[in-house]
Amino acid sequence: MLEEISKYDHLGTTDYFLDAIQLLEKSDISWTKTSLAHFFSNKIYKGYPYIDGGIDILMHLGVIKKSGKSIKLAIEASQTPKNLSD
């Protein structure tokens, strides 16, 4: 695992993870890994100009998964945090 994540510069922040989960939960769009990465490419989280490892971390943790070419939530909506205090 350490070797896999060492290739990334920025793994993510709690705000990033929450936004990604909520986006996938509420969106009717079929997201791919590339389109999801592009969506977040212009957002700054806690001073990080880009987060290159967030999607892979969420996949490794089993929060999101590939379903064909699409990225889907792998957890039930009732398990998703609604804010940072959950």
PDB file of N, CA and C in Angstrom:
ATOM      1  N   MET A   1       0.827  -1.196   0.000  1.00  0.00           N
ATOM      2  CA  MET A   1       0.000   0.000   0.000  1.00  0.00           C
ATOM      3  C   MET A   1       0.866   1.252   0.000  1.00  0.00           C
ATOM      4  N   LEU A   2       1.898   1.289   0.838  1.00  0.00           N
ATOM      5  CA  LEU A   2       2.749   2.475   0.900  1.00  0.00           C
ATOM      6  C   LEU A   2       3.408   2.771  -0.438  1.00  0.00           C
ATOM      7  N   GLU A   3       3.835   1.729  -1.119  1.00  0.00           N
ATOM      8  CA  GLU A   3       4.455   1.916  -2.424  1.00  0.00           C
ATOM      9  C   GLU A   3       3.456   2.484  -3.425  1.00  0.00           C
ATOM     10  N   GLU A   4       2.224   1.999  -3.365  1.00  0.00           N
ATOM     11  CA  GLU A   4       1.180   2.481  -4.281  1.00  0.00           C
ATOM     12  C   GLU A   4       0.862   3.953  -4.061  1.00  0.00           C
ATOM     13  N   ILE A   5       0.750   4.372  -2.813  1.00  0.00           N
ATOM     14  CA  ILE A   5       0.358   5.772  -2.553  1.00  0.00           C
ATOM     15  C   ILE A   5       1.530   6.738  -2.622  1.00  0.00           C
ATOM     16  N   SER A   6       2.757   6.228  -2.592  1.00  0.00           N
ATOM     17  CA  SER A   6       3.916   7.121  -2.646  1.00  0.00           C
ATOM     18  C   SER A   6       4.068   7.817  -3.999  1.00  0.00           C
ATOM     19  N   LYS A   7       3.369   7.338  -5.021  1.00  0.00           N
ATOM     20  CA  LYS A   7       3.469   7.963  -6.344  1.00  0.00           C
ATOM     21  C   LYS A   7       2.642   9.245  -6.446  1.00  0.00           C
ATOM     22  N   TYR A   8       1.793   9.506  -5.434  1.00  0.00           N
ATOM     23  CA  TYR A   8       0.922  10.682  -5.463  1.00  0.00           C
ATOM     24  C   TYR A   8       1.545  11.835  -4.679  1.00  0.00           C
ATOM     25  N   ASP A   9       1.232  13.041  -5.130  1.00  0.00           N
ATOM     26  CA  ASP A   9       1.685  14.236  -4.409  1.00  0.00           C
ATOM     27  C   ASP A   9       0.706  14.616  -3.306  1.00  0.00           C
ATOM     28  N   HIS A  10      -0.588  14.521  -3.597  1.00  0.00           N
ATOM     29  CA  HIS A  10      -1.614  14.912  -2.632  1.00  0.00           C
ATOM     30  C   HIS A  10      -2.724  13.871  -2.630  1.00  0.00           C
ATOM     31  N   LEU A  11      -2.950  13.251  -1.488  1.00  0.00           N
ATOM     32  CA  LEU A  11      -3.915  12.163  -1.394  1.00  0.00           C
ATOM     33  C   LEU A  11      -5.333  12.633  -1.180  1.00  0.00           C
ATOM     34  N   GLY A  12      -5.518  13.812  -0.624  1.00  0.00           N
ATOM     35  CA  GLY A  12      -6.864  14.320  -0.405  1.00  0.00           C
ATOM     36  C   GLY A  12      -7.021  14.934   0.969  1.00  0.00           C
ATOM     37  N   THR A  13      -8.113  15.598   1.135  1.00  0.00           N
ATOM     38  CA  THR A  13      -8.471  16.200   2.415  1.00  0.00           C
ATOM     39  C   THR A  13      -9.871  15.720   2.776  1.00  0.00           C
ATOM     40  N   THR A  14     -10.269  15.950   3.997  1.00  0.00           N
ATOM     41  CA  THR A  14     -11.621  15.549   4.396  1.00  0.00           C
ATOM     42  C   THR A  14     -12.666  16.264   3.547  1.00  0.00           C
ATOM     43  N   ASP A  15     -12.430  17.535   3.231  1.00  0.00           N
ATOM     44  CA  ASP A  15     -13.370  18.271   2.377  1.00  0.00           C
ATOM     45  C   ASP A  15     -13.468  17.648   0.988  1.00  0.00           C
ATOM     46  N   TYR A  16     -12.348  17.267   0.430  1.00  0.00           N
ATOM     47  CA  TYR A  16     -12.320  16.634  -0.884  1.00  0.00           C
ATOM     48  C   TYR A  16     -13.119  15.331  -0.862  1.00  0.00           C
ATOM     49  N   PHE A  17     -12.843  14.480   0.128  1.00  0.00           N
ATOM     50  CA  PHE A  17     -13.527  13.194   0.212  1.00  0.00           C
ATOM     51  C   PHE A  17     -15.030  13.372   0.376  1.00  0.00           C
ATOM     52  N   LEU A  18     -15.420  14.301   1.229  1.00  0.00           N
ATOM     53  CA  LEU A  18     -16.841  14.564   1.441  1.00  0.00           C
ATOM     54  C   LEU A  18     -17.493  15.058   0.154  1.00  0.00           C
ATOM     55  N   ASP A  19     -16.838  15.976  -0.555  1.00  0.00           N
ATOM     56  CA  ASP A  19     -17.376  16.484  -1.819  1.00  0.00           C
ATOM     57  C   ASP A  19     -17.500  15.382  -2.871  1.00  0.00           C
ATOM     58  N   ALA A  20     -16.500  14.520  -2.956  1.00  0.00           N
ATOM     59  CA  ALA A  20     -16.529  13.429  -3.936  1.00  0.00           C
ATOM     60  C   ALA A  20     -17.662  12.453  -3.628  1.00  0.00           C
ATOM     61  N   ILE A  21     -17.823  12.107  -2.378  1.00  0.00           N
ATOM     62  CA  ILE A  21     -18.888  11.179  -1.981  1.00  0.00           C
ATOM     63  C   ILE A  21     -20.249  11.785  -2.266  1.00  0.00           C
ATOM     64  N   GLN A  22     -20.437  13.039  -1.874  1.00  0.00           N
ATOM     65  CA  GLN A  22     -21.727  13.694  -2.088  1.00  0.00           C
ATOM     66  C   GLN A  22     -22.021  13.876  -3.574  1.00  0.00           C
ATOM     67  N   LEU A  23     -21.000  14.163  -4.370  1.00  0.00           N
ATOM     68  CA  LEU A  23     -21.193  14.305  -5.811  1.00  0.00           C
ATOM     69  C   LEU A  23     -21.688  12.994  -6.422  1.00  0.00           C
ATOM     70  N   LEU A  24     -21.047  11.907  -6.079  1.00  0.00           N
ATOM     71  CA  LEU A  24     -21.452  10.604  -6.611  1.00  0.00           C
ATOM     72  C   LEU A  24     -22.815  10.176  -6.088  1.00  0.00           C
ATOM     73  N   GLU A  25     -23.120  10.546  -4.863  1.00  0.00           N
ATOM     74  CA  GLU A  25     -24.389  10.169  -4.264  1.00  0.00           C
ATOM     75  C   GLU A  25     -25.558  10.902  -4.910  1.00  0.00           C
ATOM     76  N   LYS A  26     -25.371  12.164  -5.252  1.00  0.00           N
ATOM     77  CA  LYS A  26     -26.477  13.005  -5.711  1.00  0.00           C
ATOM     78  C   LYS A  26     -26.557  13.170  -7.223  1.00  0.00           C
ATOM     79  N   SER A  27     -25.535  12.773  -7.936  1.00  0.00           N
ATOM     80  CA  SER A  27     -25.459  13.045  -9.370  1.00  0.00           C
ATOM     81  C   SER A  27     -26.088  11.931 -10.200  1.00  0.00           C
ATOM     82  N   ASP A  28     -26.744  12.344 -11.268  1.00  0.00           N
ATOM     83  CA  ASP A  28     -27.273  11.389 -12.240  1.00  0.00           C
ATOM     84  C   ASP A  28     -26.282  11.148 -13.376  1.00  0.00           C
ATOM     85  N   ILE A  29     -25.163  11.825 -13.331  1.00  0.00           N
ATOM     86  CA  ILE A  29     -24.128  11.709 -14.357  1.00  0.00           C
ATOM     87  C   ILE A  29     -23.374  10.398 -14.153  1.00  0.00           C
ATOM     88  N   SER A  30     -23.005   9.753 -15.234  1.00  0.00           N
ATOM     89  CA  SER A  30     -22.168   8.567 -15.185  1.00  0.00           C
ATOM     90  C   SER A  30     -20.712   9.036 -15.178  1.00  0.00           C
ATOM     91  N   TRP A  31     -20.084   8.993 -14.020  1.00  0.00           N
ATOM     92  CA  TRP A  31     -18.716   9.478 -13.865  1.00  0.00           C
ATOM     93  C   TRP A  31     -17.718   8.380 -14.171  1.00  0.00           C
ATOM     94  N   THR A  32     -16.647   8.747 -14.875  1.00  0.00           N
ATOM     95  CA  THR A  32     -15.507   7.858 -15.043  1.00  0.00           C
ATOM     96  C   THR A  32     -14.405   8.392 -14.132  1.00  0.00           C
ATOM     97  N   LYS A  33     -13.360   7.622 -13.968  1.00  0.00           N
ATOM     98  CA  LYS A  33     -12.237   8.094 -13.153  1.00  0.00           C
ATOM     99  C   LYS A  33     -11.664   9.377 -13.745  1.00  0.00           C
ATOM    100  N   THR A  34     -11.554   9.434 -15.059  1.00  0.00           N
ATOM    101  CA  THR A  34     -11.015  10.618 -15.735  1.00  0.00           C
ATOM    102  C   THR A  34     -11.928  11.828 -15.571  1.00  0.00           C
ATOM    103  N   SER A  35     -13.238  11.637 -15.773  1.00  0.00           N
ATOM    104  CA  SER A  35     -14.151  12.784 -15.668  1.00  0.00           C
ATOM    105  C   SER A  35     -14.254  13.280 -14.228  1.00  0.00           C
ATOM    106  N   LEU A  36     -14.177  12.373 -13.262  1.00  0.00           N
ATOM    107  CA  LEU A  36     -14.209  12.777 -11.864  1.00  0.00           C
ATOM    108  C   LEU A  36     -12.936  13.544 -11.507  1.00  0.00           C
ATOM    109  N   ALA A  37     -11.793  13.071 -11.960  1.00  0.00           N
ATOM    110  CA  ALA A  37     -10.529  13.769 -11.723  1.00  0.00           C
ATOM    111  C   ALA A  37     -10.557  15.147 -12.374  1.00  0.00           C
ATOM    112  N   HIS A  38     -11.105  15.239 -13.569  1.00  0.00           N
ATOM    113  CA  HIS A  38     -11.196  16.526 -14.264  1.00  0.00           C
ATOM    114  C   HIS A  38     -12.125  17.480 -13.517  1.00  0.00           C
ATOM    115  N   PHE A  39     -13.236  16.980 -13.006  1.00  0.00           N
ATOM    116  CA  PHE A  39     -14.174  17.813 -12.251  1.00  0.00           C
ATOM    117  C   PHE A  39     -13.479  18.471 -11.062  1.00  0.00           C
ATOM    118  N   PHE A  40     -12.633  17.730 -10.370  1.00  0.00           N
ATOM    119  CA  PHE A  40     -11.953  18.263  -9.190  1.00  0.00           C
ATOM    120  C   PHE A  40     -10.644  18.971  -9.506  1.00  0.00           C
ATOM    121  N   SER A  41     -10.214  18.968 -10.760  1.00  0.00           N
ATOM    122  CA  SER A  41      -8.906  19.539 -11.107  1.00  0.00           C
ATOM    123  C   SER A  41      -8.814  21.046 -10.911  1.00  0.00           C
ATOM    124  N   ASN A  42      -9.916  21.756 -10.921  1.00  0.00           N
ATOM    125  CA  ASN A  42      -9.883  23.208 -10.763  1.00  0.00           C
ATOM    126  C   ASN A  42     -10.269  23.659  -9.362  1.00  0.00           C
ATOM    127  N   LYS A  43     -10.372  22.734  -8.436  1.00  0.00           N
ATOM    128  CA  LYS A  43     -10.755  23.065  -7.072  1.00  0.00           C
ATOM    129  C   LYS A  43      -9.529  23.011  -6.160  1.00  0.00           C
ATOM    130  N   ILE A  44      -9.490  23.922  -5.209  1.00  0.00           N
ATOM    131  CA  ILE A  44      -8.386  23.964  -4.253  1.00  0.00           C
ATOM    132  C   ILE A  44      -8.925  23.545  -2.888  1.00  0.00           C
ATOM    133  N   TYR A  45      -8.263  22.584  -2.276  1.00  0.00           N
ATOM    134  CA  TYR A  45      -8.640  22.100  -0.955  1.00  0.00           C
ATOM    135  C   TYR A  45      -7.489  22.332   0.007  1.00  0.00           C
ATOM    136  N   LYS A  46      -7.723  23.170   1.000  1.00  0.00           N
ATOM    137  CA  LYS A  46      -6.728  23.492   2.037  1.00  0.00           C
ATOM    138  C   LYS A  46      -5.375  23.871   1.430  1.00  0.00           C
ATOM    139  N   GLY A  47      -5.411  24.651   0.369  1.00  0.00           N
ATOM    140  CA  GLY A  47      -4.194  25.141  -0.253  1.00  0.00           C
ATOM    141  C   GLY A  47      -3.577  24.220  -1.289  1.00  0.00           C
ATOM    142  N   TYR A  48      -4.074  22.998  -1.419  1.00  0.00           N
ATOM    143  CA  TYR A  48      -3.535  22.088  -2.429  1.00  0.00           C
ATOM    144  C   TYR A  48      -4.187  22.402  -3.768  1.00  0.00           C
ATOM    145  N   PRO A  49      -3.397  22.739  -4.777  1.00  0.00           N
ATOM    146  CA  PRO A  49      -3.968  23.111  -6.077  1.00  0.00           C
ATOM    147  C   PRO A  49      -4.587  21.945  -6.831  1.00  0.00           C
ATOM    148  N   TYR A  50      -4.233  20.749  -6.476  1.00  0.00           N
ATOM    149  CA  TYR A  50      -4.823  19.568  -7.106  1.00  0.00           C
ATOM    150  C   TYR A  50      -4.634  18.385  -6.159  1.00  0.00           C
ATOM    151  N   ILE A  51      -5.492  17.421  -6.285  1.00  0.00           N
ATOM    152  CA  ILE A  51      -5.386  16.201  -5.486  1.00  0.00           C
ATOM    153  C   ILE A  51      -5.354  15.045  -6.473  1.00  0.00           C
ATOM    154  N   ASP A  52      -4.213  14.409  -6.555  1.00  0.00           N
ATOM    155  CA  ASP A  52      -4.049  13.376  -7.574  1.00  0.00           C
ATOM    156  C   ASP A  52      -4.307  11.960  -7.065  1.00  0.00           C
ATOM    157  N   GLY A  53      -4.385  11.763  -5.761  1.00  0.00           N
ATOM    158  CA  GLY A  53      -4.567  10.417  -5.247  1.00  0.00           C
ATOM    159  C   GLY A  53      -5.898  10.151  -4.566  1.00  0.00           C
ATOM    160  N   GLY A  54      -6.764  11.149  -4.507  1.00  0.00           N
ATOM    161  CA  GLY A  54      -8.019  11.020  -3.777  1.00  0.00           C
ATOM    162  C   GLY A  54      -8.942   9.936  -4.295  1.00  0.00           C
ATOM    163  N   ILE A  55      -9.092   9.838  -5.590  1.00  0.00           N
ATOM    164  CA  ILE A  55      -9.992   8.839  -6.180  1.00  0.00           C
ATOM    165  C   ILE A  55      -9.456   7.440  -5.900  1.00  0.00           C
ATOM    166  N   ASP A  56      -8.163   7.247  -6.067  1.00  0.00           N
ATOM    167  CA  ASP A  56      -7.583   5.924  -5.811  1.00  0.00           C
ATOM    168  C   ASP A  56      -7.664   5.554  -4.331  1.00  0.00           C
ATOM    169  N   ILE A  57      -7.506   6.513  -3.438  1.00  0.00           N
ATOM    170  CA  ILE A  57      -7.642   6.233  -2.009  1.00  0.00           C
ATOM    171  C   ILE A  57      -9.066   5.795  -1.691  1.00  0.00           C
ATOM    172  N   LEU A  58     -10.051   6.529  -2.230  1.00  0.00           N
ATOM    173  CA  LEU A  58     -11.452   6.152  -2.001  1.00  0.00           C
ATOM    174  C   LEU A  58     -11.755   4.769  -2.561  1.00  0.00           C
ATOM    175  N   MET A  59     -11.150   4.432  -3.688  1.00  0.00           N
ATOM    176  CA  MET A  59     -11.343   3.095  -4.264  1.00  0.00           C
ATOM    177  C   MET A  59     -10.682   2.034  -3.382  1.00  0.00           C
ATOM    178  N   HIS A  60      -9.484   2.318  -2.925  1.00  0.00           N
ATOM    179  CA  HIS A  60      -8.770   1.353  -2.088  1.00  0.00           C
ATOM    180  C   HIS A  60      -9.499   1.111  -0.762  1.00  0.00           C
ATOM    181  N   LEU A  61     -10.117   2.145  -0.226  1.00  0.00           N
ATOM    182  CA  LEU A  61     -10.853   2.019   1.028  1.00  0.00           C
ATOM    183  C   LEU A  61     -12.230   1.377   0.846  1.00  0.00           C
ATOM    184  N   GLY A  62     -12.646   1.186  -0.406  1.00  0.00           N
ATOM    185  CA  GLY A  62     -13.920   0.551  -0.670  1.00  0.00           C
ATOM    186  C   GLY A  62     -15.114   1.489  -0.594  1.00  0.00           C
ATOM    187  N   VAL A  63     -14.861   2.796  -0.652  1.00  0.00           N
ATOM    188  CA  VAL A  63     -15.938   3.782  -0.614  1.00  0.00           C
ATOM    189  C   VAL A  63     -16.562   3.933  -1.993  1.00  0.00           C
ATOM    190  N   ILE A  64     -15.729   3.883  -3.023  1.00  0.00           N
ATOM    191  CA  ILE A  64     -16.208   3.928  -4.399  1.00  0.00           C
ATOM    192  C   ILE A  64     -15.640   2.718  -5.133  1.00  0.00           C
ATOM    193  N   LYS A  65     -16.254   2.380  -6.259  1.00  0.00           N
ATOM    194  CA  LYS A  65     -15.786   1.238  -7.041  1.00  0.00           C
ATOM    195  C   LYS A  65     -16.046   1.487  -8.517  1.00  0.00           C
ATOM    196  N   LYS A  66     -15.315   0.759  -9.339  1.00  0.00           N
ATOM    197  CA  LYS A  66     -15.564   0.785 -10.774  1.00  0.00           C
ATOM    198  C   LYS A  66     -16.702  -0.161 -11.077  1.00  0.00           C
ATOM    199  N   SER A  67     -17.598   0.308 -11.914  1.00  0.00           N
ATOM    200  CA  SER A  67     -18.700  -0.520 -12.391  1.00  0.00           C
ATOM    201  C   SER A  67     -18.694  -0.358 -13.909  1.00  0.00           C
ATOM    202  N   GLY A  68     -18.038  -1.273 -14.591  1.00  0.00           N
ATOM    203  CA  GLY A  68     -17.793  -1.091 -16.023  1.00  0.00           C
ATOM    204  C   GLY A  68     -16.775   0.031 -16.178  1.00  0.00           C
ATOM    205  N   LYS A  69     -17.137   1.056 -16.928  1.00  0.00           N
ATOM    206  CA  LYS A  69     -16.256   2.210 -17.082  1.00  0.00           C
ATOM    207  C   LYS A  69     -16.586   3.317 -16.083  1.00  0.00           C
ATOM    208  N   SER A  70     -17.688   3.155 -15.358  1.00  0.00           N
ATOM    209  CA  SER A  70     -18.165   4.190 -14.439  1.00  0.00           C
ATOM    210  C   SER A  70     -17.633   3.989 -13.027  1.00  0.00           C
ATOM    211  N   ILE A  71     -17.641   5.085 -12.285  1.00  0.00           N
ATOM    212  CA  ILE A  71     -17.309   5.075 -10.863  1.00  0.00           C
ATOM    213  C   ILE A  71     -18.617   5.221 -10.097  1.00  0.00           C
ATOM    214  N   LYS A  72     -18.842   4.355  -9.145  1.00  0.00           N
ATOM    215  CA  LYS A  72     -20.065   4.360  -8.336  1.00  0.00           C
ATOM    216  C   LYS A  72     -19.706   4.314  -6.863  1.00  0.00           C
ATOM    217  N   LEU A  73     -20.643   4.762  -6.018  1.00  0.00           N
ATOM    218  CA  LEU A  73     -20.471   4.583  -4.582  1.00  0.00           C
ATOM    219  C   LEU A  73     -20.557   3.100  -4.270  1.00  0.00           C
ATOM    220  N   ALA A  74     -19.691   2.632  -3.405  1.00  0.00           N
ATOM    221  CA  ALA A  74     -19.707   1.231  -3.005  1.00  0.00           C
ATOM    222  C   ALA A  74     -20.367   1.064  -1.639  1.00  0.00           C
ATOM    223  N   ILE A  75     -20.797   2.164  -1.062  1.00  0.00           N
ATOM    224  CA  ILE A  75     -21.455   2.126   0.235  1.00  0.00           C
ATOM    225  C   ILE A  75     -22.874   2.653   0.080  1.00  0.00           C
ATOM    226  N   GLU A  76     -23.719   2.296   1.018  1.00  0.00           N
ATOM    227  CA  GLU A  76     -25.105   2.760   0.994  1.00  0.00           C
ATOM    228  C   GLU A  76     -25.169   4.245   1.332  1.00  0.00           C
ATOM    229  N   ALA A  77     -26.161   4.933   0.797  1.00  0.00           N
ATOM    230  CA  ALA A  77     -26.339   6.360   1.058  1.00  0.00           C
ATOM    231  C   ALA A  77     -26.460   6.640   2.549  1.00  0.00           C
ATOM    232  N   SER A  78     -27.035   5.724   3.290  1.00  0.00           N
ATOM    233  CA  SER A  78     -27.195   5.938   4.738  1.00  0.00           C
ATOM    234  C   SER A  78     -25.849   5.910   5.470  1.00  0.00           C
ATOM    235  N   GLN A  79     -24.807   5.368   4.829  1.00  0.00           N
ATOM    236  CA  GLN A  79     -23.485   5.309   5.434  1.00  0.00           C
ATOM    237  C   GLN A  79     -22.625   6.519   5.092  1.00  0.00           C
ATOM    238  N   THR A  80     -23.067   7.352   4.167  1.00  0.00           N
ATOM    239  CA  THR A  80     -22.254   8.476   3.730  1.00  0.00           C
ATOM    240  C   THR A  80     -22.355   9.635   4.716  1.00  0.00           C
ATOM    241  N   PRO A  81     -21.230  10.266   5.012  1.00  0.00           N
ATOM    242  CA  PRO A  81     -21.284  11.437   5.901  1.00  0.00           C
ATOM    243  C   PRO A  81     -21.971  12.598   5.205  1.00  0.00           C
ATOM    244  N   LYS A  82     -22.750  13.340   5.943  1.00  0.00           N
ATOM    245  CA  LYS A  82     -23.453  14.493   5.393  1.00  0.00           C
ATOM    246  C   LYS A  82     -22.681  15.788   5.633  1.00  0.00           C
ATOM    247  N   ASN A  83     -21.807  15.766   6.636  1.00  0.00           N
ATOM    248  CA  ASN A  83     -20.943  16.918   6.911  1.00  0.00           C
ATOM    249  C   ASN A  83     -19.696  16.399   7.618  1.00  0.00           C
ATOM    250  N   LEU A  84     -18.784  17.277   7.920  1.00  0.00           N
ATOM    251  CA  LEU A  84     -17.502  16.852   8.472  1.00  0.00           C
ATOM    252  C   LEU A  84     -17.583  16.398   9.914  1.00  0.00           C
ATOM    253  N   SER A  85     -18.689  16.628  10.584  1.00  0.00           N
ATOM    254  CA  SER A  85     -18.811  16.188  11.977  1.00  0.00           C
ATOM    255  C   SER A  85     -19.418  14.798  12.094  1.00  0.00           C
ATOM    256  N   ASP A  86     -19.877  14.210  10.975  1.00  0.00           N
ATOM    257  CA  ASP A  86     -20.463  12.850  11.016  1.00  0.00           C
ATOM    258  C   ASP A  86     -19.393  11.799  11.240  1.00  0.00           C
TER     259      ASP A  86
END
